[in-house]
Protein backbone atom coordinates (compact mmCIF):
# COMPACT_ATOMS: atom_id res chain seq x y z
CA MET A 1 42.20 22.96 158.63
CA GLY A 2 42.48 24.86 161.92
CA VAL A 3 39.99 27.21 163.49
CA GLU A 4 40.59 30.90 162.70
CA PRO A 5 41.71 32.70 165.89
CA SER A 6 39.20 35.17 167.28
CA MET A 7 39.89 38.90 167.39
CA ASP A 8 40.44 38.53 171.14
CA ASP A 9 43.04 35.80 170.58
CA LYS A 10 44.88 37.86 167.97
CA VAL A 11 45.03 40.91 170.22
CA ARG A 12 46.27 38.83 173.15
CA ALA A 13 48.98 37.19 171.02
CA TRP A 14 50.25 40.56 169.78
CA LEU A 15 50.41 41.97 173.29
CA VAL A 16 52.37 38.96 174.56
CA GLU A 17 54.86 39.17 171.68
CA ASN A 18 55.31 42.95 171.64
CA VAL A 19 54.63 44.29 175.15
CA GLY A 20 54.65 41.65 177.85
CA GLU A 21 52.67 39.14 179.87
CA VAL A 22 48.91 39.75 179.59
CA GLU A 23 47.43 39.96 183.06
CA SER A 24 43.92 40.81 181.84
CA LEU A 25 42.17 41.48 178.53
CA GLU A 26 38.53 42.51 178.43
CA ARG A 27 36.57 43.40 175.33
CA GLN A 28 34.44 46.51 175.81
CA PRO A 29 30.65 46.07 175.44
CA ARG A 30 30.07 48.72 172.79
CA TRP A 31 29.34 49.32 169.15
CA ARG A 32 33.02 49.33 168.14
CA PRO A 33 35.57 46.63 169.04
CA GLY A 34 37.97 47.75 171.76
CA TRP A 35 39.82 46.12 174.63
CA ASP A 36 41.02 47.15 178.07
CA ALA A 37 44.19 45.31 178.96
CA VAL A 38 46.78 45.15 181.70
CA VAL A 39 50.21 43.92 180.63
CA ARG A 40 53.10 43.16 182.98
CA ARG A 41 56.61 44.02 181.78
CA ASP A 42 59.79 44.17 183.87
CA GLY A 43 57.70 44.08 187.04
CA GLU A 44 55.54 47.01 185.93
CA ARG A 45 51.78 46.78 185.35
CA ILE A 46 50.90 48.72 182.19
CA PRO A 47 47.22 49.60 181.57
CA LEU A 48 46.49 49.63 177.84
CA TYR A 49 43.59 50.41 175.55
CA VAL A 50 43.42 48.59 172.22
CA ARG A 51 41.35 50.60 169.73
CA GLY A 52 39.82 48.24 167.20
CA PRO A 53 38.52 48.58 163.63
CA ARG A 54 35.05 49.71 162.59
CA GLY A 55 34.80 46.99 159.96
CA ASP A 56 35.68 46.64 156.30
CA THR A 57 32.54 48.45 155.13
CA TYR A 58 33.52 51.65 156.98
CA ALA A 59 36.00 54.12 155.49
CA SER A 60 37.38 57.35 156.95
CA PRO A 61 39.39 60.25 155.53
CA VAL A 62 41.90 59.58 158.34
CA ASP A 63 42.97 55.95 158.67
CA MET A 64 44.14 54.30 161.87
CA ILE A 65 47.82 54.53 160.91
CA GLN A 66 47.43 58.30 160.53
CA GLU A 67 45.52 58.42 163.80
CA ALA A 68 48.46 56.79 165.57
CA GLU A 69 50.79 59.41 164.07
CA ILE A 70 48.57 62.15 165.49
CA HIS A 71 49.09 60.63 168.95
CA ARG A 72 52.86 60.64 168.37
CA THR A 73 52.79 64.26 167.21
CA PHE A 74 50.93 65.30 170.35
CA GLU A 75 53.41 63.41 172.52
CA ALA A 76 56.33 65.14 170.78
CA HIS A 77 54.82 68.58 171.42
CA GLY A 78 53.63 68.17 174.99
CA ILE A 79 49.93 67.81 174.25
CA PRO A 80 48.43 65.33 176.74
CA ALA A 81 47.16 62.26 174.88
CA PRO A 82 47.66 58.48 175.14
CA ARG A 83 51.12 57.24 174.14
CA VAL A 84 51.07 54.70 171.31
CA PHE A 85 52.78 51.32 171.88
CA GLY A 86 52.28 50.04 168.35
CA MET A 87 49.86 48.82 165.69
CA ILE A 88 48.28 45.40 165.28
CA GLU A 89 47.91 44.53 161.59
CA ASP A 90 45.15 41.91 161.92
CA PRO A 91 42.74 43.05 163.19
CA LEU A 92 43.95 46.59 162.53
CA CYS A 93 44.22 48.18 165.99
CA ILE A 94 46.08 50.93 167.78
CA VAL A 95 47.63 49.80 171.05
CA MET A 96 47.90 52.78 173.36
CA GLU A 97 48.33 53.85 176.94
CA ARG A 98 45.12 53.75 178.98
CA LEU A 99 45.01 57.12 180.69
CA PRO A 100 43.52 57.46 184.16
CA GLY A 101 40.23 59.24 184.63
CA SER A 102 36.67 59.56 183.39
CA ILE A 103 35.16 61.04 180.24
CA ASP A 104 31.97 62.86 181.28
CA SER A 105 32.81 66.13 183.03
CA SER A 106 29.15 66.70 183.95
CA LYS A 107 29.63 64.05 186.63
CA ILE A 108 32.12 66.20 188.55
CA GLU A 109 30.09 67.19 191.61
CA ASP A 110 32.20 70.17 192.69
CA GLU A 111 31.32 73.12 190.47
CA THR A 112 34.75 74.74 190.77
CA ALA A 113 36.54 71.53 189.80
CA ARG A 114 34.12 70.96 186.94
CA GLN A 115 34.75 74.42 185.52
CA LYS A 116 38.50 74.07 185.99
CA VAL A 117 38.52 70.86 183.93
CA ARG A 118 36.47 72.42 181.12
CA ASP A 119 38.62 75.54 181.07
CA GLU A 120 41.76 73.42 180.94
CA PHE A 121 40.32 71.51 177.99
CA VAL A 122 39.74 74.76 176.06
CA ASP A 123 43.28 75.88 176.90
CA ILE A 124 44.67 72.60 175.51
CA VAL A 125 42.61 73.00 172.32
CA ALA A 126 44.09 76.49 171.89
CA ARG A 127 47.58 74.98 172.27
CA VAL A 128 46.82 72.33 169.64
CA HIS A 129 45.57 75.02 167.27
CA SER A 130 48.82 76.93 167.74
CA LEU A 131 51.01 74.02 166.62
CA PRO A 132 52.67 74.58 163.21
CA LEU A 133 51.22 72.48 160.42
CA GLU A 134 54.70 71.09 159.80
CA ALA A 135 54.48 69.30 163.15
CA PHE A 136 51.95 66.93 161.58
CA ALA A 137 54.09 66.13 158.50
CA LYS A 138 54.18 62.38 159.23
CA VAL A 139 50.37 62.27 159.48
CA GLY A 140 50.11 63.13 155.79
CA LEU A 141 47.24 65.62 155.91
CA THR A 142 46.59 67.85 152.91
CA VAL A 143 47.29 71.54 153.59
CA PRO A 144 44.34 73.67 152.39
CA ARG A 145 45.03 77.07 150.79
CA THR A 146 41.84 78.62 149.43
CA ASP A 147 38.60 79.45 151.24
CA GLU A 148 36.99 76.39 149.65
CA GLU A 149 39.83 74.08 150.59
CA ILE A 150 39.86 75.33 154.19
CA ALA A 151 36.09 74.97 154.66
CA LEU A 152 35.80 71.63 152.85
CA SER A 153 39.08 70.04 153.94
CA LEU A 154 37.25 67.23 155.75
CA TYR A 155 33.83 67.51 154.14
CA GLY A 156 35.07 67.01 150.56
CA PRO A 157 36.98 63.74 151.19
CA ALA A 158 34.09 62.42 153.30
CA GLU A 159 31.63 63.19 150.49
CA ALA A 160 33.91 61.34 148.02
CA ILE A 161 33.78 58.25 150.26
CA PHE A 162 29.99 58.47 150.33
CA ASN A 163 29.67 58.88 146.55
CA GLU A 164 31.89 55.86 145.97
CA ARG A 165 30.01 53.65 148.42
CA VAL A 166 26.46 54.90 147.80
CA PRO A 167 26.17 55.32 144.02
CA GLN A 168 22.37 55.27 144.11
CA PRO A 169 20.26 58.41 144.67
CA PHE A 170 20.31 59.76 148.21
CA PRO A 171 18.76 63.24 148.29
CA LEU A 172 19.61 64.08 151.92
CA MET A 173 23.38 63.75 151.64
CA ARG A 174 23.60 65.14 148.11
CA PHE A 175 21.78 68.29 149.28
CA ILE A 176 24.04 68.71 152.32
CA ALA A 177 27.14 68.35 150.10
CA GLN A 178 25.84 70.92 147.63
CA TRP A 179 24.83 73.37 150.35
CA LEU A 180 28.26 73.21 152.02
CA LYS A 181 29.94 74.06 148.71
CA ARG A 182 27.53 76.93 148.03
CA ASN A 183 28.00 78.52 151.46
CA VAL A 184 31.74 78.42 152.08
CA PRO A 185 32.72 81.08 154.68
CA ARG A 186 34.70 83.85 152.97
CA ASP A 187 36.10 85.69 155.98
CA ARG A 188 38.27 82.91 157.40
CA GLY A 189 41.96 82.39 156.65
CA ARG A 190 43.38 80.72 159.75
CA VAL A 191 44.29 77.05 159.31
CA CYS A 192 45.23 74.62 162.08
CA PHE A 193 44.89 70.99 163.13
CA VAL A 194 41.22 70.43 163.98
CA ASN A 195 39.63 67.45 165.68
CA TYR A 196 36.11 67.74 164.28
CA ASP A 197 34.82 64.98 166.59
CA ALA A 198 35.60 67.38 169.38
CA GLY A 199 35.23 67.44 173.16
CA GLN A 200 36.71 64.02 173.88
CA PHE A 201 39.03 64.15 176.85
CA LEU A 202 39.67 62.32 180.09
CA TYR A 203 39.90 63.98 183.49
CA ASP A 204 41.00 62.83 186.91
CA GLY A 205 39.85 64.95 189.83
CA ASP A 206 40.18 68.56 188.69
CA ARG A 207 42.70 68.06 185.87
CA VAL A 208 42.59 66.89 182.27
CA THR A 209 44.69 63.76 181.77
CA GLY A 210 44.53 63.74 177.97
CA LEU A 211 42.69 64.23 174.70
CA ILE A 212 41.42 61.11 172.93
CA ASP A 213 39.97 59.96 169.58
CA PHE A 214 41.39 61.74 166.53
CA GLU A 215 40.03 59.68 163.64
CA VAL A 216 37.90 62.54 162.25
CA SER A 217 40.63 65.17 161.96
CA SER A 218 41.98 67.50 159.32
CA PHE A 219 43.65 70.83 158.79
CA GLY A 220 40.87 73.39 158.71
CA ASP A 221 39.08 76.28 160.38
CA PRO A 222 39.43 76.27 164.19
CA GLY A 223 35.75 77.21 164.48
CA ALA A 224 34.87 73.72 163.28
CA GLU A 225 36.14 72.22 166.53
CA PHE A 226 33.60 74.20 168.52
CA ALA A 227 30.80 73.10 166.21
CA GLY A 228 31.84 69.54 167.04
CA LEU A 229 31.40 70.26 170.73
CA ARG A 230 27.65 70.54 170.16
CA LEU A 231 27.49 66.88 169.11
CA ARG A 232 29.66 65.68 171.97
CA ASN A 233 27.50 67.63 174.40
CA CYS A 234 24.53 65.36 173.57
CA ALA A 235 26.28 62.36 175.13
CA GLU A 236 28.73 63.99 177.53
CA PRO A 237 27.45 67.42 178.65
CA LEU A 238 30.06 70.17 178.46
CA GLY A 239 28.19 73.13 179.95
CA ASP A 240 27.82 76.43 178.11
CA ILE A 241 29.52 75.96 174.73
CA SER A 242 29.21 79.64 173.85
CA ALA A 243 31.14 80.46 177.05
CA MET A 244 33.83 77.96 175.98
CA ILE A 245 34.09 79.83 172.68
CA ASP A 246 34.40 83.11 174.62
CA ARG A 247 37.37 81.69 176.53
CA TYR A 248 39.00 80.46 173.33
CA GLU A 249 38.54 83.86 171.69
CA ALA A 250 40.16 85.57 174.69
CA ILE A 251 43.19 83.25 174.41
CA THR A 252 43.63 83.34 170.62
CA GLY A 253 42.11 86.63 169.48
CA ASP A 254 40.01 84.69 166.96
CA LYS A 255 36.36 85.64 166.41
CA ILE A 256 33.89 82.81 165.88
CA SER A 257 30.39 83.80 164.81
CA LYS A 258 27.13 81.90 165.22
CA LYS A 259 26.89 81.62 161.43
CA LEU A 260 30.32 79.97 161.30
CA ILE A 261 29.30 77.51 164.03
CA GLU A 262 26.08 76.64 162.16
CA TYR A 263 28.01 76.11 158.91
CA HIS A 264 30.47 73.72 160.52
CA THR A 265 27.70 72.03 162.50
CA ALA A 266 26.04 71.25 159.17
CA GLY A 267 29.43 70.13 157.86
CA PHE A 268 30.51 67.83 160.67
CA CYS A 269 27.03 66.35 161.01
CA GLY A 270 27.22 65.83 157.27
CA VAL A 271 30.53 63.99 157.67
CA ASN A 272 28.84 61.56 160.05
CA GLY A 273 26.26 60.92 157.34
CA PHE A 274 28.82 60.59 154.55
CA LEU A 275 30.78 57.99 156.51
CA MET A 276 27.91 56.10 158.17
CA TRP A 277 25.01 55.98 155.71
CA PRO A 278 26.92 53.46 153.54
CA LEU A 279 26.53 51.05 156.49
CA ALA A 280 22.76 51.11 155.98
CA PHE A 281 23.40 49.15 152.78
CA LYS A 282 26.42 46.98 153.59
CA THR A 283 27.63 45.91 157.03
CA THR A 284 29.93 43.50 158.82
CA MET A 285 29.00 41.50 161.89
CA GLU A 286 30.94 43.65 164.36
CA GLN A 287 28.84 46.70 163.44
CA ASP A 288 25.77 47.60 165.50
CA TYR A 289 23.11 48.44 162.91
CA ILE A 290 20.77 50.32 165.26
CA ALA A 291 23.58 52.31 166.90
CA TYR A 292 24.75 53.48 163.49
CA MET A 293 21.21 54.20 162.31
CA ASN A 294 20.70 56.25 165.46
CA TYR A 295 23.77 58.38 164.66
CA MET A 296 22.96 58.69 160.95
CA ILE A 297 19.43 59.94 161.53
CA ALA A 298 20.31 62.25 164.43
CA THR A 299 23.27 63.86 162.68
CA GLY A 300 21.24 64.24 159.49
CA ARG A 301 18.52 66.02 161.47
CA TRP A 302 21.07 68.26 163.17
CA SER A 303 22.72 69.10 159.86
CA ILE A 304 19.39 70.16 158.38
CA ARG A 305 18.56 72.18 161.51
CA ALA A 306 21.93 73.96 161.29
CA ILE A 307 21.31 74.79 157.63
CA ALA A 308 17.87 76.14 158.55
CA GLU A 309 19.46 78.30 161.28
CA HIS A 310 22.11 79.52 158.86
CA VAL A 311 19.62 80.57 156.17
CA GLY A 312 16.97 81.81 158.62
CA VAL A 313 14.28 79.19 158.02
CA GLU A 314 11.99 78.05 160.83
CA LEU A 315 11.20 74.35 160.55
CA SER A 316 7.77 72.97 161.40
CA GLU A 317 7.12 69.53 162.87
CA PRO A 318 5.55 66.92 160.57
CA GLU A 319 2.63 64.78 161.68
CA MET A 320 3.89 61.51 163.10
CA PRO A 321 3.11 58.16 161.40
CA ALA A 322 -0.02 56.13 162.01
CA LEU A 323 -0.16 52.41 162.76
CA ARG A 324 -0.70 50.58 159.46
CA PRO A 325 0.83 47.08 159.72
CA LEU A 326 1.92 45.07 156.71
CA GLY A 327 1.20 41.73 158.35
CA PHE A 328 1.63 39.67 161.49
CA SER A 329 3.15 42.07 164.02
CA ARG A 330 3.65 39.29 166.54
CA ALA A 331 6.45 37.74 164.44
CA ALA A 332 9.03 40.40 165.34
CA GLY A 333 8.04 40.28 169.02
CA HIS A 334 8.51 36.52 169.00
CA LEU A 335 11.92 36.96 167.36
CA ARG A 336 13.03 39.41 170.04
CA GLU A 337 11.95 37.05 172.83
CA GLN A 338 13.91 34.22 171.21
CA ILE A 339 17.00 36.40 170.92
CA MET A 340 16.81 37.44 174.57
CA THR A 341 16.80 33.78 175.70
CA MET A 342 20.19 33.20 174.06
CA PRO A 343 23.04 32.85 176.58
CA ALA A 344 25.73 35.52 176.88
CA ALA A 345 28.94 34.65 178.70
CA ASN A 346 30.29 38.19 179.14
CA PRO A 347 29.29 41.87 178.75
CA ALA A 348 30.47 41.97 175.10
CA GLU A 349 28.23 39.02 174.23
CA GLU A 350 25.36 40.61 176.13
CA TYR A 351 25.84 43.76 174.06
CA ASN A 352 25.71 41.77 170.81
CA ARG A 353 22.57 39.93 171.94
CA ASP A 354 20.86 43.17 172.95
CA SER A 355 21.91 44.74 169.64
CA ALA A 356 20.23 41.89 167.74
CA ALA A 357 17.10 42.29 169.86
CA ALA A 358 17.03 46.03 169.12
CA LEU A 359 17.28 45.29 165.41
CA SER A 360 14.25 43.01 165.67
CA LEU A 361 12.33 45.92 167.24
CA TYR A 362 13.35 48.17 164.36
CA LEU A 363 12.07 45.63 161.82
CA SER A 364 8.85 45.36 163.82
CA ARG A 365 8.32 49.12 163.59
CA TRP A 366 8.94 49.01 159.83
CA ASN A 367 6.21 46.37 159.61
CA ASP A 368 3.80 48.44 161.71
CA TYR A 369 4.52 52.00 160.55
CA GLY A 370 6.50 51.59 157.33
CA PRO A 371 3.56 51.70 154.90
CA ASP A 372 2.24 54.93 156.39
CA ILE A 373 5.73 56.49 156.48
CA VAL A 374 6.35 55.70 152.81
CA ALA A 375 2.96 57.16 151.86
CA ARG A 376 3.65 60.38 153.78
CA ASP A 377 7.13 60.68 152.28
CA LEU A 378 5.72 60.29 148.78
CA ALA A 379 3.09 62.92 149.46
CA ASP A 380 5.77 65.37 150.66
CA ALA A 381 7.98 64.62 147.65
CA SER A 382 5.08 65.07 145.26
CA ALA A 383 4.34 68.46 146.81
CA LEU A 384 8.00 69.46 146.54
CA LEU A 385 8.24 68.54 142.86
CA GLY A 386 4.73 69.67 141.95
CA ARG A 387 3.73 66.37 140.37
CA PRO A 388 2.55 63.00 141.67
CA LEU A 389 5.15 60.36 142.51
CA ALA A 390 3.88 56.82 142.80
CA GLU A 391 6.77 54.66 144.10
CA TRP A 392 9.28 55.76 146.73
CA ASN A 393 12.45 54.00 145.52
CA ALA A 394 11.89 55.07 141.91
CA ALA A 395 11.20 58.63 143.04
CA GLN A 396 14.58 59.10 144.73
CA GLN A 397 16.38 59.97 141.49
CA GLU A 398 13.73 62.55 140.61
CA ILE A 399 13.92 64.10 144.07
CA GLU A 400 17.72 64.22 143.94
CA ASP A 401 17.74 65.75 140.46
CA TYR A 402 15.31 68.43 141.59
CA ILE A 403 17.33 69.24 144.71
CA LEU A 404 20.61 69.52 142.83
CA ALA A 405 19.12 71.80 140.17
CA ALA A 406 17.13 74.01 142.55
CA PRO A 407 18.31 77.59 143.20
CA PRO A 408 19.21 78.73 146.75
CA SER A 409 15.77 80.33 147.03
CA GLU A 410 14.35 76.80 147.27
CA ASP A 411 16.51 75.86 150.28
CA GLY A 412 13.66 76.52 152.71
CA ARG A 413 11.28 74.09 151.02
CA ILE A 414 14.01 71.50 150.59
CA VAL A 415 15.19 71.56 154.22
CA GLN A 416 11.59 71.16 155.39
CA TYR A 417 11.09 68.17 153.10
CA LEU A 418 14.32 66.52 154.30
CA TYR A 419 13.53 67.32 157.94
CA ASN A 420 10.14 65.59 157.59
CA TRP A 421 11.83 62.52 156.12
CA LEU A 422 14.38 62.40 158.94
CA ARG A 423 11.78 62.81 161.68
CA ARG A 424 9.87 59.84 160.30
CA GLN A 425 13.04 57.76 160.07
CA GLU A 426 13.70 58.73 163.67
CA TYR A 427 10.23 57.47 164.58
CA LEU A 428 11.26 54.03 163.33
CA VAL A 429 14.29 53.77 165.66
CA ARG A 430 12.38 55.12 168.67
CA ASP A 431 12.36 52.64 171.58
CA CYS A 432 14.77 50.31 169.76
CA GLY A 433 17.08 49.71 172.69
CA ALA A 434 19.93 51.64 174.29
CA GLY A 435 21.49 52.39 170.90
CA ALA A 436 18.62 54.74 169.99
CA PHE A 437 19.51 57.27 172.68
CA LEU A 438 19.55 60.32 170.40
CA VAL A 439 15.87 60.17 169.43
CA GLY A 440 14.35 63.59 170.14
CA VAL A 441 17.68 65.07 171.30
CA ASP A 442 18.58 68.51 169.92
CA LEU A 443 21.92 70.29 169.85
CA GLN A 444 22.67 73.04 172.35
CA TYR A 445 21.46 76.37 171.00
CA ILE A 446 24.16 78.86 170.06
CA PRO A 447 23.10 82.50 170.46
CA GLU A 448 24.21 85.29 168.14
CA ARG A 449 27.92 85.98 168.56
């Protein structure tokens, strides 16, 4: 019985068979499998990017085959984006052109060039939004008709994935889903292709070379794309997002209010939770547990903050946990030191080793602060329900039932309870390696519009 080829070997074999001679193939050191390759064909050197799978335990409303069709649609209509060379079936990957340029426009030193790039990006988004829905026929997206369908075109399918994969009580995400349904915007009728995971583009010098990453897309309200910019801004600063909206409004004649931005901020942050929280319960080895936990907690916190902004509730900060160890704290420290002595032959292996070390830190913090966090959460839940709750896991169904039955007048108390829970979860991932980079980070404030 032979040895199963590695993902790297399978990608290399596909490139040789379908594109040309592989000059180089390097796996990216990041939370999701991906490869930079250079392939030589007919004397030409072709830079490629191979976009890999997130793992069998991750599901998305837009699959990778649909994502490839979005690239083809953009190519057919003159929207700059990587050209697709084909699909690898195992592991499921998109093989695409590797565009020149960088991704973080805040690193452009010349202010004029920086603004030109950001303006050009907004102009391209306006062009995408002007494409007829029929242009995306091969993608297979559902066309929304009613206010509810337009607002929930992505949020509804993402919630369905969550409910299928997390059948147990989970008050945070069930509240967000309910709130989104109760607060559908009623003054919006325009529908276009929207990349909710917005703000991802490459630039070279003072020009945009292409848009990238369309796996969280749908037909929906164009305002949702600008809500997504707030999330992207946390990792790759985009400047004044409200000014970007001003430019878009001048081009399109659309009017995008603060309330609309807050609604879709809650929605897209909710989508991150719907798709990622299942990975807290079931994972595959290629998934970085701490990186995902970092995103799940941060986007949950941002969703709750957006809801609070939308309904006019001012959140207060909970008291942070106290040290209250379960047992021998040294054990996790010893584990981390052992992990860090393990050899790593390349940057991808170094990333995996560091990811394992970060996970050991997370477990250490659960040992040291977990008992106090659970006690504080139970105290908050008991206050919310007005009766004592003795055991956290058993209490989740009671908390969820209360949240789902509560009238809108209770939203203020509920968002404060959920915010407290998230801030304490955030405390657990604090200092757990490079993957925990969103701890304490808030979204850019959007003024009244």
